[in-house]
Amino acid sequence: MKKIISVLGVAIFMLSACRPAKEAKTEVFELPAVDDIAMYQVNPRVFAPENSLNAVAARIDSIRDLGVNIMWVMPIYPIGIEKGKNSPYCISDYKAIAPEFGTIDDFKNLAKVCHEHGMGIILDWVANHTAWDHPWVKEHPDWYTYDEKADTIICPQPWNWEDVADLNYDNKDMREAMIDAMKFWIVEVGIDGFRCDVADGVPADFWKDAIDQLRAAAGERKILMLAEGKNVDNFTIGGFDMNYGWDYKDELVKVFKGAPASDLIKADKAEYDSLPAGKVKLRFTTNHDHSTEATPCVEFTNDRGAMAAYVASIFPHGGALIYGSQEVGYPEPINFFKYVPVNWTAKPEIYQEYKHLIGLYNEHPALRKGKMTAWPDNNVLVFEKADDAERFLILVNVRNEPETINLPESWQKLGESITLEPFEYCIEKF
């Protein structure tokens, strides 16, 4: 077994997954199947202080070479000033782009470049609330939610986000205007879908109407709909393709702080037991919300812990996400309310490791969507992924100290046991 340990000090079977960079595609782009998705989240405010859409496009090769096939772009719409905090989720116009990020032509170019490089592009959509200086507040005050006295528009509850006004989904005209704005980006700009913010805060029957109309407007093109939420109604009623694996991420943090490694198997099963067939959970070690508190190399102790957590995140069931900046091991919290410069040349070995892991994920369907068989252990996550073509054993030491584990009987061709170094992982093919 020790013979396959790489020079990185990470036990990983080298499966020729570090493939040469793909050439830009010229054929008509088609979205990948939902269970084949590897997603990259773009926070424009880590790419440039201005004209950041062009800065993202300039990095398209580096992003594409990670092996991702969907780019999710955080909100790029004009940001409200009244009561504002410079949050991109405080939107004053659903059909425009903030000058900070560029122009509509810049975004159309980014979409074109993504498609040419074999990637779909989805936009963050904020349907739960608007900025206080969105024109709807004055032109259509009945489109908003009011307090008990019915004379004051309120901010969203229970979150008490004071910089935004809560929309009233009992109002049919507002619903139609919201769907019209979403269609604009699908039809006029050519994006491939949406990541829908606070999806659980919006009625599922609205999502059904919106998604039905968006799919009709897209014609023969497929669109991808990702819900930020855990409500199963987003699937059974709304028609979303994916939603968030919040519970799994919470359990991941607990396990790396000392809870039994096998708790991750329980968390994975609990999330997927409630999922309709064909739907997928988005799995991650960080995103824009979590990185405001701590980046993976801090939340999971160090760089090695961050990489071990990523293996434990994306291989049980797929649905992989990487947040722009984690691929270079950015160590500090990122406040997405302002520009935060990221050194894209930092830690090239971390970039290569993410590239290799996502390469394995792409190259071997068994790893992302094969049948899972797990063995309980307190300190090492142990599971097999298999399909009709291949079998893999995945071992992840979730502790910052060496751990020895007895191998499952069906894998003892590798030996009876193996000792993993702190946060070491192993991916072995049968």
Protein backbone atom coordinates (compact mmCIF):
# COMPACT_ATOMS: atom_id res chain seq x y z
CA MET A 1 0.00 0.00 0.00
CA LYS A 2 2.80 2.39 0.89
CA LYS A 3 4.14 2.09 -2.64
CA ILE A 4 1.27 4.21 -3.97
CA ILE A 5 1.81 7.15 -1.61
CA SER A 6 2.58 10.23 -3.68
CA VAL A 7 5.38 12.70 -3.14
CA LEU A 8 2.81 15.15 -1.73
CA GLY A 9 2.53 13.04 1.39
CA VAL A 10 -1.04 12.25 0.37
CA ALA A 11 -2.05 8.65 -0.23
CA ILE A 12 -3.79 8.82 -3.59
CA PHE A 13 -3.76 6.34 -6.43
CA MET A 14 -2.50 8.13 -9.55
CA LEU A 15 -5.08 7.20 -12.19
CA SER A 16 -3.84 9.28 -15.11
CA ALA A 17 -6.57 11.77 -14.21
CA CYS A 18 -4.35 14.79 -14.71
CA ARG A 19 -5.36 14.97 -18.33
CA PRO A 20 -4.06 17.60 -20.76
CA ALA A 21 -6.08 20.81 -20.85
CA LYS A 22 -9.08 20.52 -23.12
CA GLU A 23 -9.19 22.64 -26.23
CA ALA A 24 -11.86 25.33 -26.37
CA LYS A 25 -15.03 23.81 -27.75
CA THR A 26 -16.63 25.17 -30.89
CA GLU A 27 -19.73 22.94 -30.96
CA VAL A 28 -23.02 24.02 -29.41
CA PHE A 29 -22.68 23.77 -25.64
CA GLU A 30 -24.86 21.31 -23.73
CA LEU A 31 -25.22 21.19 -19.97
CA PRO A 32 -23.80 18.10 -18.27
CA ALA A 33 -26.15 15.70 -16.53
CA VAL A 34 -26.92 16.89 -13.02
CA ASP A 35 -25.05 13.97 -11.44
CA ASP A 36 -21.95 14.81 -13.50
CA ILE A 37 -21.67 18.42 -12.33
CA ALA A 38 -18.50 19.91 -10.91
CA MET A 39 -19.20 23.56 -10.10
CA TYR A 40 -16.99 26.62 -9.59
CA GLN A 41 -18.39 29.57 -7.63
CA VAL A 42 -17.26 33.01 -8.77
CA ASN A 43 -17.23 35.87 -6.30
CA PRO A 44 -16.31 38.71 -8.70
CA ARG A 45 -14.91 40.71 -5.78
CA VAL A 46 -11.87 38.47 -5.47
CA PHE A 47 -10.93 38.85 -9.12
CA ALA A 48 -10.59 42.64 -9.53
CA PRO A 49 -11.72 45.89 -7.87
CA GLU A 50 -13.45 46.92 -11.12
CA ASN A 51 -14.37 45.35 -14.45
CA SER A 52 -14.21 42.04 -12.63
CA LEU A 53 -16.29 40.16 -15.23
CA ASN A 54 -13.45 40.70 -17.69
CA ALA A 55 -10.98 39.59 -15.03
CA VAL A 56 -12.94 36.34 -14.60
CA ALA A 57 -12.95 35.79 -18.36
CA ALA A 58 -9.18 36.33 -18.40
CA ARG A 59 -8.77 33.45 -15.93
CA ILE A 60 -11.02 31.07 -17.85
CA ASP A 61 -8.24 28.60 -18.69
CA SER A 62 -7.15 28.27 -15.07
CA ILE A 63 -10.76 27.76 -13.97
CA ARG A 64 -11.56 25.30 -16.76
CA ASP A 65 -8.37 23.32 -16.13
CA LEU A 66 -9.60 22.46 -12.63
CA GLY A 67 -12.08 20.17 -14.38
CA VAL A 68 -15.24 22.11 -13.54
CA ASN A 69 -18.14 22.21 -15.99
CA ILE A 70 -20.44 24.81 -14.43
CA MET A 71 -19.59 28.37 -13.39
CA TRP A 72 -21.89 29.95 -10.79
CA VAL A 73 -21.55 33.73 -10.71
CA MET A 74 -22.66 35.56 -7.57
CA PRO A 75 -25.04 38.56 -7.99
CA ILE A 76 -23.73 41.21 -10.36
CA TYR A 77 -26.81 43.45 -10.40
CA PRO A 78 -26.88 47.11 -9.24
CA ILE A 79 -26.65 47.26 -5.45
CA GLY A 80 -29.05 49.27 -3.30
CA ILE A 81 -27.81 52.33 -1.45
CA GLU A 82 -30.71 53.09 0.91
CA LYS A 83 -29.98 51.25 4.19
CA GLY A 84 -27.39 49.40 2.15
CA LYS A 85 -24.25 47.57 3.29
CA ASN A 86 -22.79 47.01 -0.18
CA SER A 87 -24.11 43.44 -0.26
CA PRO A 88 -24.45 41.96 -3.75
CA TYR A 89 -27.64 40.29 -2.45
CA CYS A 90 -29.27 43.76 -2.08
CA ILE A 91 -30.55 44.27 -5.61
CA SER A 92 -31.99 47.49 -7.02
CA ASP A 93 -32.49 46.32 -10.63
CA TYR A 94 -32.96 42.71 -11.77
CA LYS A 95 -32.19 43.44 -15.43
CA ALA A 96 -28.93 45.36 -15.20
CA ILE A 97 -25.30 45.00 -14.11
CA ALA A 98 -23.49 47.13 -11.53
CA PRO A 99 -20.75 49.28 -13.09
CA GLU A 100 -18.36 47.84 -10.51
CA PHE A 101 -18.52 44.50 -12.32
CA GLY A 102 -18.71 45.68 -15.94
CA THR A 103 -21.39 45.87 -18.60
CA ILE A 104 -24.03 43.57 -20.00
CA ASP A 105 -21.75 42.99 -22.99
CA ASP A 106 -18.95 41.95 -20.62
CA PHE A 107 -21.26 39.38 -19.06
CA LYS A 108 -22.44 38.12 -22.46
CA ASN A 109 -18.79 37.68 -23.37
CA LEU A 110 -18.16 35.72 -20.16
CA ALA A 111 -21.08 33.43 -20.99
CA LYS A 112 -19.72 32.95 -24.51
CA VAL A 113 -16.23 32.20 -23.21
CA CYS A 114 -17.60 29.68 -20.71
CA HIS A 115 -19.51 27.85 -23.44
CA GLU A 116 -16.46 27.83 -25.70
CA HIS A 117 -14.50 26.20 -22.88
CA GLY A 118 -17.08 23.51 -22.18
CA MET A 119 -18.67 25.15 -19.15
CA GLY A 120 -22.22 26.20 -18.41
CA ILE A 121 -22.86 29.45 -16.56
CA ILE A 122 -25.55 30.13 -13.96
CA LEU A 123 -26.39 33.35 -12.14
CA ASP A 124 -27.27 33.93 -8.52
CA TRP A 125 -30.93 34.95 -8.24
CA VAL A 126 -32.40 36.71 -5.21
CA ALA A 127 -36.18 36.28 -5.26
CA ASN A 128 -36.85 36.65 -1.55
CA HIS A 129 -36.23 40.40 -1.24
CA THR A 130 -35.03 43.56 -2.99
CA ALA A 131 -33.12 46.68 -2.06
CA TRP A 132 -35.13 49.46 -0.40
CA ASP A 133 -34.43 51.68 -3.40
CA HIS A 134 -35.58 49.14 -5.99
CA PRO A 135 -38.20 50.96 -8.15
CA TRP A 136 -40.80 48.40 -7.11
CA VAL A 137 -40.88 49.83 -3.57
CA LYS A 138 -42.38 53.11 -4.79
CA GLU A 139 -44.14 51.92 -7.94
CA HIS A 140 -45.70 48.77 -6.46
CA PRO A 141 -45.69 48.97 -2.66
CA ASP A 142 -48.31 46.20 -2.55
CA TRP A 143 -45.61 43.82 -3.85
CA TYR A 144 -44.00 43.84 -0.39
CA THR A 145 -44.74 42.39 3.04
CA TYR A 146 -45.98 44.70 5.79
CA ASP A 147 -45.91 44.68 9.58
CA GLU A 148 -48.94 43.90 11.76
CA LYS A 149 -50.20 47.48 11.45
CA ALA A 150 -50.06 47.14 7.65
CA ASP A 151 -48.31 50.48 7.24
CA THR A 152 -44.59 49.62 7.15
CA ILE A 153 -42.69 47.32 4.79
CA ILE A 154 -40.61 44.86 6.75
CA CYS A 155 -37.24 43.23 6.21
CA PRO A 156 -37.10 39.43 5.80
CA GLN A 157 -37.91 37.39 8.88
CA PRO A 158 -36.56 35.62 10.88
CA TRP A 159 -33.19 36.78 9.55
CA ASN A 160 -33.82 40.50 10.15
CA TRP A 161 -31.69 41.60 7.19
CA GLU A 162 -32.20 45.34 7.54
CA ASP A 163 -30.70 46.31 4.18
CA VAL A 164 -33.45 44.59 2.16
CA ALA A 165 -37.26 44.65 1.86
CA ASP A 166 -39.32 41.43 1.99
CA LEU A 167 -41.36 40.54 -1.11
CA ASN A 168 -45.01 39.45 -0.89
CA TYR A 169 -45.59 36.21 -2.80
CA ASP A 170 -49.33 36.50 -2.40
CA ASN A 171 -49.17 39.15 -5.13
CA LYS A 172 -49.57 37.62 -8.60
CA ASP A 173 -48.31 40.70 -10.45
CA MET A 174 -45.06 40.63 -8.51
CA ARG A 175 -44.62 36.95 -9.33
CA GLU A 176 -45.06 37.65 -13.04
CA ALA A 177 -42.55 40.50 -12.93
CA MET A 178 -40.02 38.29 -11.15
CA ILE A 179 -40.36 35.53 -13.73
CA ASP A 180 -40.11 38.08 -16.55
CA ALA A 181 -36.79 39.31 -15.11
CA MET A 182 -35.47 35.74 -14.87
CA LYS A 183 -36.45 35.05 -18.48
CA PHE A 184 -34.40 38.07 -19.55
CA TRP A 185 -31.16 36.37 -18.52
CA ILE A 186 -32.10 33.03 -20.08
CA VAL A 187 -33.41 34.39 -23.39
CA GLU A 188 -31.56 37.67 -23.98
CA VAL A 189 -28.22 36.87 -22.34
CA GLY A 190 -28.04 33.11 -22.83
CA ILE A 191 -27.21 31.83 -19.35
CA ASP A 192 -27.87 28.21 -18.40
CA GLY A 193 -29.88 28.61 -15.21
CA PHE A 194 -29.84 30.00 -11.70
CA ARG A 195 -28.62 29.39 -8.19
CA CYS A 196 -31.60 30.65 -6.18
CA ASP A 197 -30.77 32.43 -2.94
CA VAL A 198 -32.88 31.69 0.16
CA ALA A 199 -35.02 29.35 -1.92
CA ASP A 200 -36.80 28.04 1.19
CA GLY A 201 -38.07 31.58 1.87
CA VAL A 202 -40.06 31.62 -1.38
CA PRO A 203 -43.18 29.45 -1.92
CA ALA A 204 -42.50 26.22 -3.80
CA ASP A 205 -45.48 26.83 -6.10
CA PHE A 206 -43.79 30.02 -7.31
CA TRP A 207 -40.66 28.05 -8.15
CA LYS A 208 -42.74 25.53 -10.11
CA ASP A 209 -44.32 28.28 -12.18
CA ALA A 210 -40.99 30.05 -12.70
CA ILE A 211 -39.03 26.92 -13.60
CA ASP A 212 -41.73 25.68 -15.97
CA GLN A 213 -41.71 29.02 -17.78
CA LEU A 214 -37.92 29.22 -17.85
CA ARG A 215 -37.61 25.76 -19.35
CA ALA A 216 -40.22 26.64 -21.98
CA ALA A 217 -38.42 29.90 -22.77
CA ALA A 218 -35.10 28.05 -23.13
CA GLY A 219 -36.60 25.83 -25.84
CA GLU A 220 -34.34 22.90 -26.67
CA ARG A 221 -31.63 24.11 -24.31
CA LYS A 222 -31.47 22.51 -20.88
CA ILE A 223 -31.25 24.76 -17.84
CA LEU A 224 -29.89 24.02 -14.37
CA MET A 225 -31.73 25.13 -11.24
CA LEU A 226 -29.93 25.04 -7.89
CA ALA A 227 -31.79 25.88 -4.67
CA GLU A 228 -30.00 27.32 -1.67
CA GLY A 229 -32.10 25.45 0.84
CA LYS A 230 -33.03 22.09 2.31
CA ASN A 231 -36.82 22.00 1.75
CA VAL A 232 -37.76 18.86 -0.18
CA ASP A 233 -40.65 20.84 -1.71
CA ASN A 234 -38.04 22.56 -3.85
CA PHE A 235 -37.78 19.23 -5.66
CA THR A 236 -41.21 17.63 -5.36
CA ILE A 237 -43.15 20.82 -6.16
CA GLY A 238 -40.68 23.42 -7.38
CA GLY A 239 -38.78 21.38 -9.94
CA PHE A 240 -35.20 22.19 -8.89
CA ASP A 241 -32.35 19.91 -9.99
CA MET A 242 -30.05 20.42 -7.00
CA ASN A 243 -30.10 21.89 -3.52
CA TYR A 244 -27.58 22.49 -0.76
CA GLY A 245 -25.91 19.83 1.38
CA TRP A 246 -25.93 22.11 4.42
CA ASP A 247 -26.39 19.25 6.90
CA TYR A 248 -23.49 17.28 5.47
CA LYS A 249 -21.17 20.30 5.69
CA ASP A 250 -22.21 20.88 9.31
CA GLU A 251 -21.44 17.24 10.11
CA LEU A 252 -18.11 17.48 8.27
CA VAL A 253 -17.00 20.27 10.62
CA LYS A 254 -18.10 18.28 13.69
CA VAL A 255 -16.22 15.19 12.53
CA PHE A 256 -13.00 17.10 11.95
CA LYS A 257 -13.38 18.48 15.48
CA GLY A 258 -13.66 15.03 17.02
CA ALA A 259 -17.03 13.43 16.25
CA PRO A 260 -16.89 9.86 14.85
CA ALA A 261 -15.92 9.69 11.18
CA SER A 262 -18.82 7.31 10.57
CA ASP A 263 -21.24 10.15 11.39
CA LEU A 264 -20.55 11.37 7.85
CA ILE A 265 -22.00 8.17 6.45
CA LYS A 266 -25.16 8.75 8.48
CA ALA A 267 -25.34 12.39 7.33
CA ASP A 268 -24.91 11.39 3.68
CA LYS A 269 -27.65 8.77 3.96
CA ALA A 270 -30.02 11.16 5.75
CA GLU A 271 -29.69 13.77 2.99
CA TYR A 272 -30.18 11.33 0.14
CA ASP A 273 -32.97 9.34 1.79
CA SER A 274 -35.16 12.43 1.50
CA LEU A 275 -34.19 13.16 -2.11
CA PRO A 276 -36.35 12.22 -5.11
CA ALA A 277 -34.61 10.05 -7.71
CA GLY A 278 -32.36 11.94 -10.09
CA LYS A 279 -31.81 14.93 -7.79
CA VAL A 280 -28.42 15.89 -6.35
CA LYS A 281 -27.07 17.60 -3.25
CA LEU A 282 -24.39 20.26 -3.76
CA ARG A 283 -21.46 19.29 -1.55
CA PHE A 284 -18.75 21.69 -0.45
CA THR A 285 -16.15 22.49 2.16
CA THR A 286 -16.78 26.21 1.80
CA ASN A 287 -18.76 28.83 -0.12
CA HIS A 288 -19.14 32.60 0.05
CA ASP A 289 -21.09 32.42 3.34
CA HIS A 290 -18.73 30.07 5.16
CA SER A 291 -15.56 31.78 3.95
CA THR A 292 -16.65 35.01 5.60
CA GLU A 293 -15.96 33.23 8.91
CA ALA A 294 -13.08 30.88 8.09
CA THR A 295 -11.55 29.40 4.96
CA PRO A 296 -11.09 25.60 4.69
CA CYS A 297 -7.41 25.62 5.62
CA VAL A 298 -8.41 27.21 8.94
CA GLU A 299 -11.77 25.53 9.55
CA PHE A 300 -10.19 22.10 8.95
CA THR A 301 -6.93 22.95 10.81
CA ASN A 302 -4.50 23.34 7.90
CA ASP A 303 -4.03 22.74 4.17
CA ARG A 304 -3.87 18.97 4.62
CA GLY A 305 -7.08 19.01 6.65
CA ALA A 306 -8.76 21.12 3.96
CA MET A 307 -7.84 18.60 1.27
CA ALA A 308 -8.94 15.62 3.37
CA ALA A 309 -12.26 17.35 4.00
CA TYR A 310 -12.70 17.93 0.27
CA VAL A 311 -12.21 14.23 -0.47
CA ALA A 312 -14.73 13.42 2.27
CA SER A 313 -17.13 15.95 0.73
CA ILE A 314 -17.24 15.19 -3.00
CA PHE A 315 -16.85 11.43 -3.33
CA PRO A 316 -19.68 9.96 -1.22
CA HIS A 317 -22.30 11.28 -3.66
CA GLY A 318 -20.83 13.81 -6.08
CA GLY A 319 -22.29 17.29 -6.57
CA ALA A 320 -18.87 18.92 -6.19
CA LEU A 321 -18.38 22.65 -5.60
CA ILE A 322 -15.18 24.66 -5.39
CA TYR A 323 -15.32 28.30 -4.25
CA GLY A 324 -13.00 30.59 -6.18
CA SER A 325 -9.95 31.21 -3.94
CA GLN A 326 -9.86 27.84 -2.17
CA GLU A 327 -7.92 26.33 -5.07
CA VAL A 328 -4.92 28.45 -4.03
CA GLY A 329 -5.39 27.83 -0.31
CA TYR A 330 -6.39 31.41 0.48
CA PRO A 331 -6.06 31.56 4.28
CA GLU A 332 -7.98 34.65 5.41
CA PRO A 333 -11.76 35.18 5.69
CA ILE A 334 -13.28 36.76 2.58
CA ASN A 335 -15.88 39.46 3.18
CA PHE A 336 -17.84 39.40 -0.07
CA PHE A 337 -19.28 42.86 0.68
CA LYS A 338 -15.99 44.35 -0.53
CA TYR A 339 -13.03 43.68 -2.81
CA VAL A 340 -10.55 41.17 -1.40
CA PRO A 341 -7.43 40.59 -3.54
CA VAL A 342 -6.43 36.96 -3.99
CA ASN A 343 -2.96 35.87 -5.08
CA TRP A 344 -3.75 33.35 -7.82
CA THR A 345 -0.15 32.16 -7.96
CA ALA A 346 -0.04 31.17 -4.29
CA LYS A 347 0.33 27.48 -3.38
CA PRO A 348 0.42 25.95 -6.87
CA GLU A 349 0.63 22.51 -5.24
CA ILE A 350 -2.86 23.03 -3.76
CA TYR A 351 -4.22 24.03 -7.17
CA GLN A 352 -2.72 20.87 -8.67
CA GLU A 353 -4.23 18.72 -5.93
CA TYR A 354 -7.74 20.09 -6.48
CA LYS A 355 -7.21 19.63 -10.21
CA HIS A 356 -6.20 16.03 -9.68
CA LEU A 357 -9.15 15.23 -7.38
CA ILE A 358 -11.71 16.78 -9.73
CA GLY A 359 -9.96 14.97 -12.57
CA LEU A 360 -10.56 11.66 -10.79
CA TYR A 361 -14.14 12.70 -10.13
CA ASN A 362 -14.69 13.40 -13.84
CA GLU A 363 -12.75 10.44 -15.20
CA HIS A 364 -14.43 7.72 -13.14
CA PRO A 365 -18.24 7.77 -12.87
CA ALA A 366 -18.07 5.23 -10.04
CA LEU A 367 -16.41 7.83 -7.82
CA ARG A 368 -19.14 10.42 -8.16
CA LYS A 369 -22.27 8.33 -8.60
CA GLY A 370 -21.43 4.68 -7.98
CA LYS A 371 -23.00 2.56 -5.25
CA MET A 372 -21.61 3.35 -1.82
CA THR A 373 -20.64 0.74 0.78
CA ALA A 374 -19.27 2.04 4.06
CA TRP A 375 -17.49 0.61 7.12
CA PRO A 376 -17.76 2.39 10.49
CA ASP A 377 -14.69 3.84 12.20
CA ASN A 378 -14.17 6.68 14.63
CA ASN A 379 -11.11 8.26 13.06
CA VAL A 380 -11.02 7.22 9.40
CA LEU A 381 -13.81 7.62 6.86
CA VAL A 382 -13.92 4.29 5.02
CA PHE A 383 -16.14 3.62 2.03
CA GLU A 384 -16.23 1.90 -1.33
CA LYS A 385 -17.68 3.34 -4.53
CA ALA A 386 -18.52 0.93 -7.33
CA ASP A 387 -20.36 0.63 -10.61
CA ASP A 388 -20.44 -2.14 -13.22
CA ALA A 389 -17.02 -1.11 -14.51
CA GLU A 390 -14.90 -0.11 -11.50
CA ARG A 391 -14.48 -0.35 -7.72
CA PHE A 392 -12.66 2.13 -5.50
CA LEU A 393 -11.77 2.21 -1.82
CA ILE A 394 -11.62 5.69 -0.26
CA LEU A 395 -9.92 6.23 3.09
CA VAL A 396 -9.77 9.65 4.77
CA ASN A 397 -7.96 10.23 8.06
CA VAL A 398 -10.06 12.96 9.70
CA ARG A 399 -7.54 13.42 12.54
CA ASN A 400 -4.40 15.52 12.78
CA GLU A 401 -2.39 12.52 13.95
CA PRO A 402 -1.49 9.13 12.47
CA GLU A 403 -4.25 6.52 12.46
CA THR A 404 -4.03 2.79 11.75
CA ILE A 405 -7.09 1.05 10.38
CA ASN A 406 -7.92 -2.55 9.54
CA LEU A 407 -8.97 -2.79 5.92
CA PRO A 408 -12.31 -4.32 4.90
CA GLU A 409 -11.96 -8.03 4.12
CA SER A 410 -12.75 -7.52 0.46
CA TRP A 411 -9.82 -5.09 0.21
CA GLN A 412 -7.19 -7.07 2.11
CA LYS A 413 -5.30 -7.73 -1.09
CA LEU A 414 -3.73 -4.43 -0.06
CA GLY A 415 -2.82 -5.79 3.35
CA GLU A 416 -4.65 -6.31 6.61
CA SER A 417 -4.20 -2.74 7.79
CA ILE A 418 -2.81 0.63 6.81
CA THR A 419 -1.43 3.56 8.77
CA LEU A 420 -2.42 6.99 7.46
CA GLU A 421 -0.47 10.10 8.34
CA PRO A 422 -2.32 13.15 9.78
CA PHE A 423 -5.15 14.10 7.38
CA GLU A 424 -3.86 11.64 4.80
CA TYR A 425 -6.29 10.14 2.31
CA CYS A 426 -6.14 7.25 -0.11
CA ILE A 427 -8.12 6.48 -3.26
CA GLU A 428 -7.41 2.91 -4.41
CA LYS A 429 -8.79 1.17 -7.48
CA PHE A 430 -9.57 -2.55 -7.41
